[in-house]
Amino acid sequence: MSKESFQVPQNVKMNFDAQKLFGPKESIKEIMQMHQEEEYADTLSSTDNTKKLIANLIKNKEPFIEISKLVDSSSERKTILPMPKALSSTFSKNIVYANAAANTLPPNSTPNGAYVINFGTLYTDSISAKGDQRWYAFQLTAEKKLTVYMSPVADTAVDNDLYLYKFDQTNSSVTVVAQSRNKAGMYELLSYVAAAGIYFISVNSYACNTTNNFQIMAFTSDTWDEAEGDDSMTTAKEMPVNSEIIGTLDNSIDHDCRIWLVKEKGTYQLQLSVPSTTLKYQVQIFSSSQDLITSMEQNARVTFPNVAPGGYYLKIVSVDGKIDPAIKYNFSMILLPPNIINTNAYKATISPSGKQLIEVLAPGAVEGLKRNVLFIDRKEFDPTLIDFSTGRPSFPGYQCGGLSGTTSFIFDEKSDPKRQIILGSYTSDLINVNNAIIFTVANCLYFWQLRQHVYNNPPASYGPPTHVYSGGTDQNGVHYNTYVWRDEIKNTAIQFIFDIDKMKVVDMYNPNFFYGYPHDRAGVSGNGTHTFTQTKTF
């Protein structure tokens, strides 16, 4: 019988007095102390030391194999069933618990005898035979994110699964709300964003032929990301190709899981970005049969060539159990274009809005490419086709900046961090762009225009102007000219603001004398404002 056809107890009728067990006169701590001091003390042991738990999680990893062996047969793909819903009352009345009538079984072999447990405490219990169960209970007084861990003995013949139930006080029944059903020999982990109420944990023996010990522990988190609960491979959501995850790890054993369905053979680029040097997060990649294939560390861009069609699991974890719920990681998965011949000359990321694929190709990335190019959703942006100029309300008729026929991108962040491609939102006295890029180019046009206080003869040191316009007369009736110098700057890198949604250059960033730096040829500088709020870099 497969796990998928294995019937899970649901809507289990309870006959205990919940008010008496969890009422205000008896706190969970008091009940737990009573259980530990009396008849259950020899059956259920506990410790507050979580080092052993973290060690078990890390020890559970299998030896790594070469990245090139990231292959998986479609015949191995495990059917991912939806989370079980509440079964009919007729079915729940017919549930028979294995050996439930045996006097030798501990009280918590049924939900009515569930042990009350404390959060953050690692308990050791035992289970006897296939179909046997152990039950535990706790109460939440406010909404929390729950993480529940269960570790079996190191024996592939032992397969204990983990379930979380919510208690319905109106009809005294419990219904499964989360589960973890990994293969034999693996630990189980589930998470669930839980409203206030009473909850039960069940450890079910799917396979074992002798009494064996296991460990169980429950955590609560006060903050969590919107994708929770996603700690279990059973409830993992699919991660689309050319997409990203922005998430957090909210406790020491929090796992964020995704399903990676490879529908076509290709080369994939994966990257986990974590803005912290004190954290050690990694991505673990499993086959559909839940065998660990390889892992990749944070802030590394890893390319996997020739990935075969099939199903894979992705798991984002903390290597040493150290986490920071305030730190957001960014994990992206990109399918490279088939014509890429040098993956080292290729970079990709997702736009700040999460909608567009942004790709940067350096010379040699594809056959015959001799310059840096920028693609938005696989469409190339050609700067030579854009005639960029603008003015400011405080400087009528003024222009600054532009692109010439020899303009080229600069993507040389190693020698100059200021030349990184920066993504975020941009605000100036003229425009607001929520989905923007700062990029750097060489060989730009730069427009300088003198104000009307320069009349007939500009300073000789400026050189001959490119254009001279009649400006009319001033308030005193004196005629003046407007002088324009149009320079092509070949030795100075200039930054521009690119609107990703419009695929258009919309402003200069630096230098730009409208923002007070530098002065124009007449010594004039503006008072415009501009702000770029960075969200990430390539």
Protein backbone atom coordinates (compact mmCIF):
# COMPACT_ATOMS: atom_id res chain seq x y z
CA MET A 1 0.00 0.00 0.00
CA SER A 2 1.41 3.41 -0.99
CA LYS A 3 1.50 6.43 1.27
CA GLU A 4 -0.91 8.17 -1.04
CA SER A 5 -3.59 5.54 -0.31
CA PHE A 6 -2.83 5.29 3.40
CA GLN A 7 -5.86 6.56 5.31
CA VAL A 8 -5.11 9.37 7.74
CA PRO A 9 -7.33 9.79 10.83
CA GLN A 10 -9.49 12.90 10.46
CA ASN A 11 -12.44 14.45 12.27
CA VAL A 12 -11.54 12.21 15.21
CA LYS A 13 -14.15 12.38 17.97
CA MET A 14 -12.71 13.36 21.33
CA ASN A 15 -14.17 12.55 24.75
CA PHE A 16 -11.86 14.58 27.00
CA ASP A 17 -12.95 17.77 28.76
CA ALA A 18 -11.07 20.53 26.89
CA GLN A 19 -12.14 23.19 29.37
CA LYS A 20 -10.74 21.18 32.23
CA LEU A 21 -7.51 20.39 30.42
CA PHE A 22 -6.76 23.87 29.08
CA GLY A 23 -8.87 26.02 31.41
CA PRO A 24 -7.56 29.10 33.22
CA LYS A 25 -6.99 27.24 36.50
CA GLU A 26 -4.49 24.86 34.97
CA SER A 27 -1.82 26.38 32.73
CA ILE A 28 -0.03 24.31 30.11
CA LYS A 29 3.16 24.58 32.14
CA GLU A 30 1.45 23.22 35.24
CA ILE A 31 -0.11 20.35 33.32
CA MET A 32 3.21 19.50 31.68
CA GLN A 33 4.93 19.48 35.06
CA MET A 34 2.23 17.21 36.43
CA HIS A 35 2.65 14.80 33.52
CA GLN A 36 6.41 14.71 33.91
CA GLU A 37 6.25 14.18 37.68
CA GLU A 38 3.60 11.46 37.66
CA GLU A 39 2.74 8.41 35.54
CA TYR A 40 4.09 9.72 32.20
CA ALA A 41 7.55 10.66 33.43
CA ASP A 42 9.15 7.38 32.32
CA THR A 43 7.44 7.38 28.95
CA LEU A 44 7.93 10.91 27.66
CA SER A 45 11.30 12.53 28.31
CA SER A 46 12.32 16.04 27.27
CA THR A 47 15.21 18.49 27.04
CA ASP A 48 15.45 22.21 26.31
CA ASN A 49 18.77 21.82 24.49
CA THR A 50 18.16 22.31 20.75
CA LYS A 51 21.79 21.69 19.71
CA LYS A 52 21.01 18.01 19.31
CA LEU A 53 18.06 18.88 17.11
CA ILE A 54 20.15 21.06 14.77
CA ALA A 55 22.87 18.39 14.67
CA ASN A 56 20.28 15.80 13.63
CA LEU A 57 19.03 18.02 10.82
CA ILE A 58 22.52 18.55 9.42
CA LYS A 59 23.52 14.91 9.96
CA ASN A 60 20.44 13.81 8.04
CA LYS A 61 21.94 15.17 4.79
CA GLU A 62 23.30 12.59 2.38
CA PRO A 63 26.70 12.85 0.65
CA PHE A 64 26.76 15.36 -2.20
CA ILE A 65 27.24 14.25 -5.79
CA GLU A 66 28.50 16.22 -8.75
CA ILE A 67 26.36 19.10 -9.99
CA SER A 68 26.40 17.62 -13.49
CA LYS A 69 24.35 14.70 -12.19
CA LEU A 70 21.25 16.82 -11.70
CA VAL A 71 19.01 14.35 -13.51
CA ASP A 72 15.74 12.71 -12.62
CA SER A 73 13.57 10.21 -14.45
CA SER A 74 9.92 11.13 -14.85
CA SER A 75 9.06 7.64 -13.64
CA GLU A 76 10.52 8.58 -10.24
CA ARG A 77 8.28 11.58 -9.81
CA LYS A 78 6.23 11.37 -6.68
CA THR A 79 2.56 12.28 -6.90
CA ILE A 80 1.99 15.37 -4.79
CA LEU A 81 -1.48 15.08 -3.33
CA PRO A 82 -3.36 18.11 -2.01
CA MET A 83 -3.62 18.48 1.75
CA PRO A 84 -6.33 16.11 2.99
CA LYS A 85 -9.69 17.70 3.74
CA ALA A 86 -12.01 16.74 6.57
CA LEU A 87 -13.54 13.31 5.96
CA SER A 88 -17.22 12.56 6.40
CA SER A 89 -18.64 11.87 9.83
CA THR A 90 -19.59 8.39 8.64
CA PHE A 91 -15.94 7.58 7.95
CA SER A 92 -14.72 9.04 11.24
CA LYS A 93 -17.03 6.76 13.19
CA ASN A 94 -15.40 3.73 11.56
CA ILE A 95 -11.80 4.63 12.42
CA VAL A 96 -10.10 1.89 14.38
CA TYR A 97 -6.75 2.62 15.98
CA ALA A 98 -4.13 -0.11 15.83
CA ASN A 99 -3.90 -1.94 19.17
CA ALA A 100 -6.05 0.75 20.78
CA ALA A 101 -7.52 -1.75 23.21
CA ALA A 102 -4.19 -3.12 24.40
CA ASN A 103 -3.50 -2.26 28.02
CA THR A 104 0.25 -2.15 27.38
CA LEU A 105 0.03 0.90 25.11
CA PRO A 106 0.73 4.35 26.59
CA PRO A 107 -2.22 6.71 27.10
CA ASN A 108 -1.22 8.90 24.13
CA SER A 109 -1.79 6.14 21.57
CA THR A 110 -5.16 7.83 20.91
CA PRO A 111 -6.06 11.54 20.77
CA ASN A 112 -8.06 11.23 23.97
CA GLY A 113 -4.85 10.48 25.88
CA ALA A 114 -2.70 13.12 24.21
CA TYR A 115 0.22 14.46 26.25
CA VAL A 116 0.39 18.24 26.68
CA ILE A 117 3.75 19.57 25.45
CA ASN A 118 5.62 22.86 25.79
CA PHE A 119 7.05 24.87 22.90
CA GLY A 120 10.79 24.83 22.27
CA THR A 121 11.29 21.55 24.12
CA LEU A 122 12.68 18.43 22.47
CA TYR A 123 10.79 15.30 23.60
CA THR A 124 11.69 11.64 23.20
CA ASP A 125 8.93 9.05 22.85
CA SER A 126 8.57 5.59 21.31
CA ILE A 127 6.22 3.84 18.91
CA SER A 128 5.66 0.11 18.59
CA ALA A 129 4.24 -1.14 15.30
CA LYS A 130 2.95 -0.21 11.89
CA GLY A 131 -0.31 1.71 12.22
CA ASP A 132 0.44 2.79 15.79
CA GLN A 133 0.11 6.47 16.78
CA ARG A 134 1.31 8.92 19.44
CA TRP A 135 -0.65 12.09 20.19
CA TYR A 136 0.33 15.45 21.75
CA ALA A 137 -1.65 18.60 22.48
CA PHE A 138 -1.03 22.31 23.08
CA GLN A 139 -2.95 25.56 23.12
CA LEU A 140 -2.36 28.89 21.34
CA THR A 141 -3.78 32.07 22.85
CA ALA A 142 -2.98 34.16 19.74
CA GLU A 143 -2.21 33.60 16.05
CA LYS A 144 1.26 32.13 15.54
CA LYS A 145 3.23 30.30 12.92
CA LEU A 146 3.79 26.71 14.07
CA THR A 147 6.78 24.59 13.12
CA VAL A 148 6.74 20.94 14.19
CA TYR A 149 9.71 18.59 13.89
CA MET A 150 9.92 14.82 14.26
CA SER A 151 13.08 12.71 13.93
CA PRO A 152 13.05 8.89 13.73
CA VAL A 153 15.86 6.49 14.52
CA ALA A 154 18.54 6.07 11.85
CA ASP A 155 16.85 3.08 10.24
CA THR A 156 15.38 3.06 6.72
CA ALA A 157 12.95 0.35 7.85
CA VAL A 158 11.30 2.91 10.16
CA ASP A 159 8.92 5.40 8.56
CA ASN A 160 7.06 7.66 10.96
CA ASP A 161 4.90 10.45 9.50
CA LEU A 162 3.81 13.69 11.12
CA TYR A 163 0.37 15.36 11.21
CA LEU A 164 -1.04 18.54 12.75
CA TYR A 165 -4.73 18.74 13.72
CA LYS A 166 -6.95 21.60 14.85
CA PHE A 167 -9.53 20.94 17.55
CA ASP A 168 -13.12 22.06 16.89
CA GLN A 169 -14.78 22.74 20.23
CA THR A 170 -18.26 22.87 18.70
CA ASN A 171 -18.31 19.15 17.88
CA SER A 172 -15.27 17.86 19.80
CA SER A 173 -13.39 16.70 16.70
CA VAL A 174 -9.95 17.31 15.21
CA THR A 175 -9.19 17.87 11.52
CA VAL A 176 -5.80 17.61 9.87
CA VAL A 177 -4.43 21.00 8.71
CA ALA A 178 -0.80 20.17 7.85
CA GLN A 179 1.34 17.10 7.33
CA SER A 180 4.82 15.84 6.50
CA ARG A 181 5.28 12.42 4.89
CA ASN A 182 8.90 12.04 3.88
CA LYS A 183 10.39 8.70 2.97
CA ALA A 184 11.75 6.22 5.54
CA GLY A 185 14.82 7.37 7.46
CA MET A 186 14.16 11.09 6.95
CA TYR A 187 13.05 13.57 9.57
CA GLU A 188 9.62 15.16 9.20
CA LEU A 189 8.93 18.89 9.34
CA LEU A 190 5.70 20.83 8.87
CA SER A 191 4.54 24.41 9.38
CA TYR A 192 1.18 26.11 9.66
CA VAL A 193 -0.05 29.64 10.35
CA ALA A 194 -2.43 28.86 13.18
CA ALA A 195 -5.20 30.92 14.73
CA ALA A 196 -5.72 30.82 18.49
CA GLY A 197 -7.07 27.48 19.64
CA ILE A 198 -6.22 23.93 20.64
CA TYR A 199 -4.04 21.79 18.38
CA PHE A 200 -2.93 18.18 18.28
CA ILE A 201 0.19 16.55 16.83
CA SER A 202 0.07 12.93 15.69
CA VAL A 203 3.06 10.71 14.90
CA ASN A 204 1.85 7.81 12.76
CA SER A 205 3.93 4.72 12.09
CA TYR A 206 3.69 4.00 8.38
CA ALA A 207 6.36 1.28 8.58
CA CYS A 208 8.25 -0.36 11.45
CA ASN A 209 8.66 -3.86 12.82
CA THR A 210 9.84 -3.14 16.34
CA THR A 211 9.60 -0.54 19.07
CA ASN A 212 11.68 2.52 18.18
CA ASN A 213 12.35 5.92 19.70
CA PHE A 214 11.71 9.24 18.00
CA GLN A 215 12.07 12.90 18.93
CA ILE A 216 9.46 15.60 18.55
CA MET A 217 9.49 19.37 19.04
CA ALA A 218 7.17 22.32 18.35
CA PHE A 219 8.18 25.96 17.79
CA THR A 220 6.11 29.13 17.51
CA SER A 221 7.10 32.22 15.53
CA ASP A 222 5.66 35.71 15.93
CA THR A 223 6.53 36.77 12.36
CA TRP A 224 6.53 34.87 9.08
CA ASP A 225 6.48 35.47 5.33
CA GLU A 226 3.38 35.17 3.20
CA ALA A 227 4.37 31.79 1.72
CA GLU A 228 4.17 29.96 5.08
CA GLY A 229 3.57 27.20 5.86
CA ASP A 230 5.92 25.70 3.34
CA ASP A 231 8.29 23.65 5.50
CA SER A 232 7.10 20.28 4.22
CA MET A 233 7.82 18.79 0.81
CA THR A 234 4.26 17.45 0.94
CA THR A 235 2.81 20.97 0.83
CA ALA A 236 5.57 22.61 -1.25
CA LYS A 237 4.33 25.00 -3.94
CA GLU A 238 5.65 24.99 -7.49
CA MET A 239 8.32 27.58 -8.32
CA PRO A 240 7.81 28.80 -11.89
CA VAL A 241 10.78 29.16 -14.22
CA ASN A 242 12.16 32.72 -14.51
CA SER A 243 10.82 33.73 -11.11
CA GLU A 244 12.07 34.52 -7.63
CA ILE A 245 11.18 33.96 -3.98
CA ILE A 246 11.54 36.71 -1.41
CA GLY A 247 11.21 35.14 2.00
CA THR A 248 12.48 34.77 5.56
CA LEU A 249 13.49 32.01 7.94
CA ASP A 250 11.69 32.65 11.20
CA ASN A 251 13.13 29.98 13.52
CA SER A 252 16.20 27.76 13.73
CA ILE A 253 14.65 24.82 11.87
CA ASP A 254 12.43 26.74 9.45
CA HIS A 255 12.62 25.34 5.91
CA ASP A 256 11.15 26.99 2.83
CA CYS A 257 10.33 24.31 0.24
CA ARG A 258 9.40 24.54 -3.43
CA ILE A 259 8.75 22.10 -6.27
CA TRP A 260 10.86 22.57 -9.39
CA LEU A 261 9.16 20.98 -12.39
CA VAL A 262 11.55 20.80 -15.35
CA LYS A 263 9.45 20.47 -18.46
CA GLU A 264 12.25 20.88 -20.98
CA LYS A 265 15.93 20.03 -20.89
CA GLY A 266 18.02 23.16 -20.49
CA THR A 267 20.59 25.16 -18.56
CA TYR A 268 19.36 26.84 -15.38
CA GLN A 269 20.90 29.58 -13.26
CA LEU A 270 20.04 29.59 -9.54
CA GLN A 271 21.04 32.25 -7.03
CA LEU A 272 20.36 32.75 -3.32
CA SER A 273 21.06 36.31 -2.17
CA VAL A 274 21.20 37.01 1.58
CA PRO A 275 22.16 40.55 2.70
CA SER A 276 24.03 39.38 5.78
CA THR A 277 27.55 38.12 6.51
CA THR A 278 26.54 36.55 9.83
CA LEU A 279 23.94 34.17 8.41
CA LYS A 280 24.69 30.92 6.59
CA TYR A 281 21.74 29.97 4.41
CA GLN A 282 21.84 27.46 1.58
CA VAL A 283 19.64 25.86 -1.05
CA GLN A 284 19.38 22.07 -1.01
CA ILE A 285 18.21 20.29 -4.17
CA PHE A 286 16.48 16.91 -3.89
CA SER A 287 15.28 14.44 -6.48
CA SER A 288 11.58 13.61 -6.65
CA SER A 289 12.36 10.54 -4.53
CA GLN A 290 13.73 12.95 -1.87
CA ASP A 291 17.40 12.05 -2.28
CA LEU A 292 19.75 14.98 -1.80
CA ILE A 293 21.50 15.80 -5.10
CA THR A 294 23.56 18.85 -4.19
CA SER A 295 23.46 22.19 -2.38
CA MET A 296 24.51 25.77 -3.10
CA GLU A 297 25.57 28.46 -0.64
CA GLN A 298 24.16 31.94 -0.26
CA ASN A 299 25.34 34.80 -2.48
CA ALA A 300 26.53 32.38 -5.15
CA ARG A 301 25.28 32.25 -8.72
CA VAL A 302 25.33 28.59 -9.82
CA THR A 303 24.68 27.34 -13.34
CA PHE A 304 23.31 23.82 -13.83
CA PRO A 305 23.84 22.62 -17.42
CA ASN A 306 21.62 20.13 -19.24
CA VAL A 307 19.06 19.62 -16.46
CA ALA A 308 16.88 16.69 -17.42
CA PRO A 309 13.06 16.87 -17.37
CA GLY A 310 11.54 15.71 -14.12
CA GLY A 311 10.53 16.83 -10.66
CA TYR A 312 12.89 18.26 -8.04
CA TYR A 313 12.51 19.69 -4.56
CA LEU A 314 14.20 22.92 -3.47
CA LYS A 315 14.74 23.60 0.22
CA ILE A 316 16.12 26.85 1.69
CA VAL A 317 17.59 26.28 5.16
CA SER A 318 19.99 27.67 7.73
CA VAL A 319 23.16 25.57 7.89
CA ASP A 320 23.93 26.27 11.55
CA GLY A 321 20.44 27.08 12.87
CA LYS A 322 21.16 30.80 13.12
CA ILE A 323 18.41 32.92 11.58
CA ASP A 324 17.16 36.50 11.54
CA PRO A 325 13.43 36.94 10.77
CA ALA A 326 14.11 40.57 9.79
CA ILE A 327 16.50 39.56 6.98
CA LYS A 328 14.84 38.81 3.65
CA TYR A 329 16.54 36.43 1.25
CA ASN A 330 16.04 36.46 -2.52
CA PHE A 331 16.14 33.20 -4.46
CA SER A 332 15.80 33.22 -8.24
CA MET A 333 15.60 30.54 -10.93
CA ILE A 334 16.34 31.45 -14.55
CA LEU A 335 16.22 29.28 -17.68
CA LEU A 336 19.04 30.47 -19.95
CA PRO A 337 18.39 31.14 -23.63
CA PRO A 338 19.51 28.14 -25.73
CA ASN A 339 22.04 30.23 -27.70
CA ILE A 340 24.20 31.10 -24.66
CA ILE A 341 27.66 29.62 -25.23
CA ASN A 342 29.49 31.23 -22.27
CA THR A 343 27.51 31.19 -19.04
CA ASN A 344 30.17 33.29 -17.29
CA ALA A 345 29.23 36.17 -19.61
CA TYR A 346 25.53 35.90 -18.72
CA LYS A 347 23.62 37.36 -15.77
CA ALA A 348 19.91 37.53 -15.06
CA THR A 349 17.55 38.69 -12.35
CA ILE A 350 13.91 39.60 -11.82
CA SER A 351 12.73 43.22 -11.85
CA PRO A 352 11.75 44.98 -8.59
CA SER A 353 8.08 44.52 -9.51
CA GLY A 354 8.68 40.78 -9.89
CA LYS A 355 7.20 40.84 -13.40
CA GLN A 356 10.07 41.15 -15.87
CA LEU A 357 13.10 39.04 -16.61
CA ILE A 358 16.21 41.24 -16.88
CA GLU A 359 19.26 39.78 -18.65
CA VAL A 360 22.73 41.21 -19.23
CA LEU A 361 24.97 39.65 -21.86
CA ALA A 362 28.68 40.45 -22.04
CA PRO A 363 30.87 39.90 -25.13
CA GLY A 364 31.12 36.20 -25.91
CA ALA A 365 27.85 35.22 -24.25
CA VAL A 366 26.46 34.36 -27.67
CA GLU A 367 28.18 33.80 -30.98
CA GLY A 368 29.57 37.04 -32.42
CA LEU A 369 28.57 39.34 -29.53
CA LYS A 370 31.19 42.07 -29.08
CA ARG A 371 29.42 44.52 -26.72
CA ASN A 372 27.35 44.51 -23.55
CA VAL A 373 23.61 44.26 -24.14
CA LEU A 374 20.52 44.55 -21.95
CA PHE A 375 17.39 42.42 -22.47
CA ILE A 376 13.96 42.91 -20.87
CA ASP A 377 11.76 39.81 -21.23
CA ARG A 378 14.08 38.57 -24.00
CA LYS A 379 13.72 41.85 -25.96
CA GLU A 380 16.94 43.81 -26.49
CA PHE A 381 17.16 47.45 -25.44
CA ASP A 382 19.13 49.39 -28.06
CA PRO A 383 20.38 52.71 -26.63
CA THR A 384 21.27 54.03 -30.09
CA LEU A 385 17.55 54.26 -30.91
CA ILE A 386 16.72 56.59 -28.01
CA ASP A 387 16.95 60.36 -28.32
CA PHE A 388 16.93 61.35 -24.68
CA SER A 389 16.61 64.95 -23.60
CA THR A 390 14.64 66.69 -20.91
CA GLY A 391 14.10 69.99 -19.18
CA ARG A 392 13.14 71.16 -15.73
CA PRO A 393 10.34 73.58 -14.86
CA SER A 394 12.89 75.73 -13.02
CA PHE A 395 15.12 75.80 -16.14
CA PRO A 396 12.88 76.42 -19.17
CA GLY A 397 14.41 75.07 -22.32
CA TYR A 398 17.37 73.45 -20.62
CA GLN A 399 18.52 70.02 -21.68
CA CYS A 400 20.96 67.57 -20.20
CA GLY A 401 22.31 64.29 -21.42
CA GLY A 402 21.62 61.92 -24.24
CA LEU A 403 22.86 58.84 -26.04
CA SER A 404 25.07 58.78 -29.10
CA GLY A 405 25.55 56.26 -31.86
CA THR A 406 28.64 54.88 -30.10
CA THR A 407 27.06 54.57 -26.65
CA SER A 408 27.91 51.33 -24.83
CA PHE A 409 26.91 49.82 -21.49
CA ILE A 410 29.42 49.37 -18.69
CA PHE A 411 28.94 46.32 -16.45
CA ASP A 412 32.21 46.25 -14.56
CA GLU A 413 31.21 46.06 -10.93
CA LYS A 414 34.39 44.20 -9.91
CA SER A 415 36.68 47.11 -10.71
CA ASP A 416 34.14 49.79 -9.83
CA PRO A 417 31.13 48.97 -7.60
CA LYS A 418 29.47 52.20 -8.76
CA ARG A 419 29.06 50.61 -12.18
CA GLN A 420 26.78 47.86 -10.96
CA ILE A 421 23.31 47.59 -12.41
CA ILE A 422 21.11 48.75 -9.53
CA LEU A 423 17.39 47.99 -9.29
CA GLY A 424 14.80 49.85 -7.26
CA SER A 425 12.46 52.86 -7.36
CA TYR A 426 13.26 56.39 -8.52
CA THR A 427 11.75 59.74 -7.57
CA SER A 428 12.69 63.17 -8.92
CA ASP A 429 11.12 66.60 -9.27
CA LEU A 430 9.78 65.45 -12.65
CA ILE A 431 8.98 61.74 -12.44
CA ASN A 432 8.26 58.73 -10.22
CA VAL A 433 9.33 55.28 -11.43
CA ASN A 434 8.62 52.30 -9.16
CA ASN A 435 10.25 49.73 -11.43
CA ALA A 436 13.61 51.25 -12.38
CA ILE A 437 17.24 50.51 -13.14
CA ILE A 438 20.35 52.65 -12.83
CA PHE A 439 22.78 51.66 -15.55
CA THR A 440 26.09 53.18 -16.61
CA VAL A 441 27.12 53.96 -20.17
CA ALA A 442 30.14 55.39 -21.98
CA ASN A 443 30.34 57.66 -25.03
CA CYS A 444 27.38 59.82 -24.06
CA LEU A 445 26.09 63.14 -25.31
CA TYR A 446 25.89 65.89 -22.75
CA PHE A 447 23.93 69.09 -23.35
CA TRP A 448 24.95 72.38 -21.72
CA GLN A 449 22.78 75.43 -22.17
CA LEU A 450 23.50 78.93 -20.86
CA ARG A 451 20.84 81.03 -19.20
CA GLN A 452 19.74 84.39 -20.47
CA HIS A 453 22.09 86.43 -18.30
CA VAL A 454 24.81 85.61 -20.89
CA TYR A 455 24.09 88.02 -23.70
CA ASN A 456 26.04 88.41 -26.91
CA ASN A 457 29.50 87.00 -26.26
CA PRO A 458 30.00 83.91 -24.07
CA PRO A 459 33.39 83.39 -22.46
CA ALA A 460 36.02 82.37 -24.99
CA SER A 461 37.20 79.59 -22.72
CA TYR A 462 33.96 77.70 -23.40
CA GLY A 463 34.92 77.30 -27.04
CA PRO A 464 32.52 77.76 -29.94
CA PRO A 465 28.92 76.76 -29.13
CA THR A 466 27.17 74.03 -31.08
CA HIS A 467 24.02 76.11 -31.44
CA VAL A 468 23.07 79.77 -30.92
CA TYR A 469 19.42 80.71 -30.49
CA SER A 470 17.82 84.12 -30.20
CA GLY A 471 16.41 84.31 -26.73
CA GLY A 472 14.41 87.47 -27.21
CA THR A 473 14.63 90.41 -24.83
CA ASP A 474 14.86 90.55 -21.10
CA GLN A 475 12.78 92.68 -18.72
CA ASN A 476 14.90 95.68 -19.62
CA GLY A 477 14.36 95.23 -23.34
CA VAL A 478 17.92 93.99 -23.91
CA HIS A 479 18.35 91.27 -26.50
CA TYR A 480 20.08 88.05 -25.45
CA ASN A 481 21.05 84.75 -27.04
CA THR A 482 20.86 81.18 -25.78
CA TYR A 483 24.03 79.18 -26.33
CA VAL A 484 24.18 75.38 -26.42
CA TRP A 485 27.23 73.16 -26.21
CA ARG A 486 26.64 69.55 -27.25
CA ASP A 487 29.56 67.39 -26.18
CA GLU A 488 30.22 63.70 -26.69
CA ILE A 489 31.89 62.46 -23.54
CA LYS A 490 34.08 59.44 -24.17
CA ASN A 491 36.15 59.17 -21.01
CA THR A 492 33.51 59.73 -18.35
CA ALA A 493 30.90 57.15 -17.34
CA ILE A 494 27.40 58.56 -16.98
CA GLN A 495 24.45 56.98 -15.17
CA PHE A 496 20.91 56.95 -16.53
CA ILE A 497 17.53 56.02 -15.11
CA PHE A 498 15.72 53.31 -17.08
CA ASP A 499 11.97 52.74 -16.70
CA ILE A 500 11.61 48.94 -16.99
CA ASP A 501 7.87 49.00 -17.69
CA LYS A 502 8.20 51.54 -20.52
CA MET A 503 11.60 50.18 -21.59
CA LYS A 504 12.81 53.75 -21.91
CA VAL A 505 15.54 56.00 -20.50
CA VAL A 506 13.68 58.68 -18.54
CA ASP A 507 16.37 60.72 -16.75
CA MET A 508 20.04 61.19 -15.98
CA TYR A 509 21.21 60.24 -12.52
CA ASN A 510 24.84 61.26 -12.20
CA PRO A 511 26.23 63.66 -13.24
CA ASN A 512 23.29 66.04 -13.70
CA PHE A 513 23.58 69.73 -13.00
CA PHE A 514 19.80 70.00 -12.48
CA TYR A 515 20.44 68.28 -9.14
CA GLY A 516 23.21 70.69 -8.19
CA TYR A 517 26.18 68.76 -9.58
CA PRO A 518 28.12 69.63 -11.61
CA HIS A 519 27.73 73.30 -12.57
CA ASP A 520 27.09 74.00 -16.22
CA ARG A 521 29.55 75.99 -18.32
CA ALA A 522 28.07 79.25 -17.06
CA GLY A 523 28.56 78.18 -13.47
CA VAL A 524 24.83 77.47 -13.01
CA SER A 525 23.55 74.52 -11.00
CA GLY A 526 19.99 73.49 -10.34
CA ASN A 527 17.96 72.75 -7.24
CA GLY A 528 16.06 69.69 -8.44
CA THR A 529 15.71 66.63 -6.21
CA HIS A 530 16.20 62.98 -7.01
CA THR A 531 16.21 59.81 -4.91
CA PHE A 532 16.85 56.19 -5.83
CA THR A 533 15.76 53.52 -3.33
CA GLN A 534 17.73 50.37 -4.01
CA THR A 535 16.12 46.96 -3.69
CA LYS A 536 18.88 44.79 -5.16
CA THR A 537 21.81 44.62 -7.57
CA PHE A 538 22.84 42.02 -10.11
